[in-house]
């Protein structure tokens, strides 16, 4: 008779999707079997199905047993069931792991903006300065007669 822990593990295993169940039948989960985190020989007992392996005689690289697309699918399925830590170590990162380790683009962190946006503050200060000095410039061009007219207009406006 199986123990209570083994029986519950068997029930959990039966609830897994067929793809994930077949993978775990062929490659037992990490607590049961340890896999290499670096490429090994094709004959190594701890060969990782997600990494390349080298032939012991010819030293030629063999592709991983499981393709990147299949790795991604397996990772997503395992993540739904909270079993992503039981998968063999992977070189690629998927989902949240990938997003958290990814650098932001320079244009997102520090956008360059359009030229009219970059120079807006400078133009605004230049315009305010020109408006403040407008009367002095007009007096300089039109003469003293305009100055007396300006004084009368400001007196009437404040009034």
Protein backbone atom coordinates (compact mmCIF):
# COMPACT_ATOMS: atom_id res chain seq x y z
CA UNK A 1 0.00 0.00 0.00
CA UNK A 2 1.33 3.45 -0.94
CA UNK A 3 1.92 6.11 1.67
CA UNK A 4 -0.40 9.10 1.98
CA UNK A 5 2.20 11.53 0.52
CA UNK A 6 2.88 9.27 -2.47
CA UNK A 7 -0.84 8.84 -3.10
CA UNK A 8 -1.46 12.60 -3.10
CA UNK A 9 1.52 13.07 -5.46
CA UNK A 10 0.03 10.43 -7.76
CA UNK A 11 -3.34 12.23 -7.72
CA UNK A 12 -1.62 15.53 -8.57
CA UNK A 13 0.29 13.80 -11.38
CA UNK A 14 -2.99 12.50 -12.86
CA UNK A 15 -4.38 16.06 -12.93
CA UNK A 16 -1.47 17.38 -15.01
CA UNK A 17 -1.97 18.04 -18.73
CA UNK A 18 -0.80 15.11 -20.90
CA UNK A 19 2.14 17.08 -22.35
CA UNK A 20 3.54 17.88 -18.90
CA UNK A 21 2.83 14.35 -17.61
CA UNK A 22 4.70 12.78 -20.55
CA UNK A 23 7.64 15.13 -19.97
CA UNK A 24 7.85 14.24 -16.27
CA UNK A 25 7.63 10.50 -17.11
CA UNK A 26 10.61 10.82 -19.43
CA UNK A 27 12.53 13.37 -17.31
CA UNK A 28 11.66 13.09 -13.59
CA UNK A 29 11.14 16.36 -11.65
CA UNK A 30 14.12 18.10 -10.05
CA UNK A 31 13.64 16.89 -6.45
CA UNK A 32 13.82 13.29 -7.72
CA UNK A 33 16.64 13.74 -10.26
CA UNK A 34 19.26 16.50 -10.50
CA UNK A 35 20.13 17.88 -13.94
CA UNK A 36 23.30 19.65 -15.07
CA UNK A 37 23.08 23.45 -15.34
CA UNK A 38 25.81 23.54 -18.03
CA UNK A 39 26.22 21.53 -21.26
CA UNK A 40 27.51 18.00 -20.63
CA UNK A 41 28.34 14.88 -22.62
CA UNK A 42 25.55 13.03 -24.43
CA UNK A 43 26.27 9.98 -22.26
CA UNK A 44 26.18 11.86 -18.93
CA UNK A 45 23.54 10.58 -16.48
CA UNK A 46 22.64 14.15 -15.48
CA UNK A 47 22.19 15.40 -19.07
CA UNK A 48 19.80 18.34 -19.21
CA UNK A 49 17.20 17.96 -22.01
CA UNK A 50 17.01 21.77 -22.36
CA UNK A 51 20.74 22.27 -23.06
CA UNK A 52 23.10 21.20 -25.82
CA UNK A 53 25.30 18.13 -25.21
CA UNK A 54 28.65 17.10 -26.65
CA UNK A 55 29.47 13.69 -28.13
CA UNK A 56 32.19 12.04 -25.99
CA UNK A 57 34.35 10.97 -28.96
CA UNK A 58 33.80 13.57 -31.70
CA UNK A 59 33.11 16.51 -29.33
CA UNK A 60 30.39 17.71 -31.73
CA UNK A 61 27.49 19.59 -30.19
CA UNK A 62 24.08 17.92 -30.24
CA UNK A 63 20.94 20.03 -30.13
CA UNK A 64 18.83 19.99 -26.95
CA UNK A 65 16.30 17.17 -26.73
CA UNK A 66 13.53 19.74 -26.17
CA UNK A 67 13.25 22.74 -28.52
CA UNK A 68 12.87 26.33 -27.28
CA UNK A 69 9.23 26.42 -28.37
CA UNK A 70 8.52 23.22 -26.45
CA UNK A 71 10.47 24.58 -23.47
CA UNK A 72 8.29 27.68 -23.51
CA UNK A 73 5.10 25.61 -23.65
CA UNK A 74 6.29 23.33 -20.85
CA UNK A 75 7.29 26.30 -18.70
CA UNK A 76 3.90 27.97 -19.17
CA UNK A 77 2.04 24.76 -18.29
CA UNK A 78 4.25 24.07 -15.28
CA UNK A 79 3.76 27.65 -14.10
CA UNK A 80 -0.03 27.22 -14.15
CA UNK A 81 0.34 24.30 -11.74
CA UNK A 82 3.14 25.90 -9.67
CA UNK A 83 5.70 23.36 -10.88
CA UNK A 84 8.14 25.62 -12.74
CA UNK A 85 10.84 24.96 -10.11
CA UNK A 86 10.65 21.21 -10.82
CA UNK A 87 11.73 21.65 -14.46
CA UNK A 88 15.42 21.18 -15.34
CA UNK A 89 17.48 24.42 -15.43
CA UNK A 90 17.01 26.47 -18.62
CA UNK A 91 19.23 28.95 -20.44
CA UNK A 92 16.29 30.97 -21.74
CA UNK A 93 14.00 32.95 -19.48
CA UNK A 94 10.26 33.01 -20.03
CA UNK A 95 7.40 35.22 -18.87
CA UNK A 96 7.93 37.30 -15.71
CA UNK A 97 11.57 36.19 -15.34
CA UNK A 98 12.31 37.57 -18.79
CA UNK A 99 10.50 40.87 -18.17
CA UNK A 100 12.15 41.46 -14.78
CA UNK A 101 15.67 40.94 -16.13
CA UNK A 102 15.14 42.88 -19.35
CA UNK A 103 16.65 46.36 -19.66
CA UNK A 104 14.33 49.17 -20.64
CA UNK A 105 14.90 50.88 -23.96
CA UNK A 106 16.76 54.19 -23.82
CA UNK A 107 13.89 56.03 -25.51
CA UNK A 108 11.44 54.82 -22.88
CA UNK A 109 13.61 55.73 -19.88
CA UNK A 110 14.82 59.06 -21.26
CA UNK A 111 12.73 60.12 -24.27
CA UNK A 112 14.30 62.59 -26.67
CA UNK A 113 11.00 64.39 -27.44
CA UNK A 114 10.27 66.47 -30.52
CA UNK A 115 12.26 69.63 -31.17
CA UNK A 116 9.31 71.90 -30.35
CA UNK A 117 8.93 70.09 -27.00
CA UNK A 118 12.65 70.30 -26.18
CA UNK A 119 12.85 74.04 -26.91
CA UNK A 120 9.44 75.07 -25.47
CA UNK A 121 10.78 76.42 -22.16
CA UNK A 122 13.50 78.44 -23.86
CA UNK A 123 10.99 79.95 -26.31
CA UNK A 124 8.56 80.77 -23.47
CA UNK A 125 11.20 82.70 -21.48
CA UNK A 126 12.34 84.50 -24.63
CA UNK A 127 8.73 85.49 -25.41
CA UNK A 128 8.08 86.75 -21.85
CA UNK A 129 11.28 88.77 -21.93
CA UNK A 130 10.31 90.29 -25.32
CA UNK A 131 6.84 91.23 -24.04
CA UNK A 132 8.35 92.88 -20.94
CA UNK A 133 10.78 94.92 -23.07
CA UNK A 134 8.28 95.65 -25.89
CA UNK A 135 7.44 99.19 -24.71
CA UNK A 136 11.12 100.18 -24.48
CA UNK A 137 11.78 98.87 -27.99
CA UNK A 138 8.76 100.73 -29.45
CA UNK A 139 9.84 103.97 -27.73
CA UNK A 140 13.33 103.51 -29.17
CA UNK A 141 11.94 103.05 -32.70
CA UNK A 142 8.99 105.55 -32.68
CA UNK A 143 10.54 108.18 -30.50
CA UNK A 144 9.62 110.21 -27.42
CA UNK A 145 6.12 111.12 -28.73
CA UNK A 146 5.03 107.53 -28.32
CA UNK A 147 6.36 107.51 -24.75
CA UNK A 148 4.00 110.30 -23.71
CA UNK A 149 1.09 108.51 -25.41
CA UNK A 150 2.06 105.30 -23.56
CA UNK A 151 2.08 107.10 -20.19
CA UNK A 152 -1.43 108.49 -20.84
CA UNK A 153 -2.76 105.04 -21.81
CA UNK A 154 -1.32 103.34 -18.72
CA UNK A 155 -2.77 106.13 -16.52
CA UNK A 156 -6.25 105.60 -18.03
CA UNK A 157 -6.00 101.80 -17.73
CA UNK A 158 -5.06 101.88 -14.02
CA UNK A 159 -7.36 104.65 -13.41
